Protein backbone atom coordinates (compact mmCIF):
# COMPACT_ATOMS: atom_id res chain seq x y z
CA MET A 1 -0.63 -22.54 2.49
CA VAL A 2 -2.51 -21.56 5.58
CA ARG A 3 -5.78 -19.57 5.25
CA GLU A 4 -4.24 -16.35 6.49
CA GLN A 5 -1.69 -16.53 3.53
CA ASP A 6 -4.35 -17.04 0.95
CA ILE A 7 -6.37 -14.12 2.30
CA PHE A 8 -3.11 -12.03 2.33
CA TRP A 9 -2.35 -12.83 -1.19
CA GLU A 10 -6.00 -12.34 -2.27
CA GLU A 11 -5.70 -8.80 -0.79
CA ILE A 12 -2.42 -7.98 -2.65
CA GLN A 13 -4.16 -9.06 -5.91
CA LYS A 14 -6.97 -6.66 -5.10
CA ILE A 15 -4.38 -3.90 -4.51
CA GLN A 16 -2.67 -4.56 -7.73
CA ASP A 17 -5.90 -4.81 -9.76
CA TYR A 18 -7.04 -1.49 -8.29
CA VAL A 19 -3.87 0.40 -8.92
CA VAL A 20 -3.68 -0.92 -12.59
CA ASN A 21 -7.29 0.02 -13.21
CA ILE A 22 -7.04 3.46 -11.73
CA SER A 23 -3.82 4.10 -13.60
CA ILE A 24 -5.33 3.09 -16.92
CA ALA A 25 -8.44 5.35 -16.30
CA LYS A 26 -6.32 8.38 -15.40
CA ILE A 27 -3.20 7.76 -17.87
CA SER A 28 -4.33 10.44 -20.38
CA GLU A 29 -4.20 13.10 -17.57
CA TYR A 30 -0.38 12.67 -17.10
CA ASP A 31 2.06 14.64 -19.14
CA ASP A 32 5.07 13.35 -17.22
CA ILE A 33 6.10 9.72 -16.82
CA ASN A 34 7.71 10.42 -13.36
CA LYS A 35 4.30 11.76 -12.09
CA LEU A 36 2.57 8.81 -13.29
CA LEU A 37 5.16 6.30 -11.77
CA ASN A 38 5.13 8.19 -8.60
CA ASP A 39 1.34 7.99 -8.42
CA VAL A 40 1.32 4.25 -9.26
CA THR A 41 4.08 3.43 -6.60
CA TYR A 42 2.30 5.83 -4.07
CA ASP A 43 -1.09 4.07 -4.52
CA THR A 44 0.55 0.44 -4.36
CA ILE A 45 2.41 1.36 -1.16
CA TYR A 46 -0.45 3.18 0.34
CA GLY A 47 -2.69 0.02 -0.27
CA LEU A 48 -0.01 -2.29 1.25
CA MET A 49 0.21 -0.08 4.34
CA GLU A 50 -3.51 -0.13 4.72
CA LEU A 51 -3.36 -4.06 4.60
CA ILE A 52 -0.75 -3.98 7.29
CA ASP A 53 -2.64 -1.63 9.31
CA GLY A 54 -5.69 -4.08 9.21
CA HIS A 55 -7.85 -1.63 7.04
CA LYS A 56 -8.19 -3.97 3.99
CA ASN A 57 -9.53 -7.04 5.78
CA ASP A 58 -10.44 -7.44 9.41
CA ALA A 59 -8.86 -10.95 9.39
CA LEU A 60 -5.34 -9.40 8.78
CA ARG A 61 -3.27 -6.90 10.68
CA GLY A 62 0.48 -7.13 10.56
CA GLU A 63 3.48 -6.21 12.59
CA ILE A 64 6.80 -4.87 11.22
CA ARG A 65 9.51 -5.77 13.71
CA SER A 66 13.24 -4.80 13.54
CA MET A 67 15.17 -8.02 13.65
CA ILE A 68 18.03 -5.97 15.31
CA SER A 69 16.28 -4.47 18.21
CA GLY A 70 13.01 -6.36 18.32
CA ASN A 71 11.11 -3.15 18.30
CA ILE A 72 7.78 -3.08 16.56
CA ILE A 73 8.00 -0.29 13.91
CA ASN A 74 4.26 0.20 13.38
CA ALA A 75 3.36 -0.06 17.16
CA ASN A 76 0.52 2.37 18.12
CA MET A 77 0.34 3.75 14.61
CA ASP A 78 -1.28 3.38 11.23
CA LEU A 79 1.42 3.24 8.65
CA HIS A 80 -0.87 4.55 5.85
CA ASN A 81 -1.21 7.75 7.58
CA TYR A 82 2.47 8.69 6.89
CA CYS A 83 2.45 7.86 3.17
CA GLU A 84 1.73 11.52 2.18
CA GLU A 85 4.54 12.79 4.47
CA TYR A 86 7.23 10.39 3.02
CA LEU A 87 6.23 9.55 -0.50
CA LYS A 88 5.89 11.65 -3.68
CA CYS A 89 2.50 11.82 -5.40
CA SER A 90 0.97 14.29 -7.97
CA ASP A 91 -2.31 16.16 -7.93
CA VAL A 92 -3.60 14.38 -11.01
């Protein structure tokens, strides 16, 4: 495995650990399993988008390219800035 792949998976592990720990700490605040799952998935996806955007590690920045058109979906934008617009999360 190349060094960039190791760095990538280390960052993925950090995201998972963070989301699990935050969820455990806040679980008693939830009265609805849907809100909990929305927040867990939101936090996970947000972390992944930050990773792609290059905000988690300066050694990594990714492109999402359409294999059909060749267009780069995240050209000139930070994906994590759009999570709140498209994904569900609670106020817990």
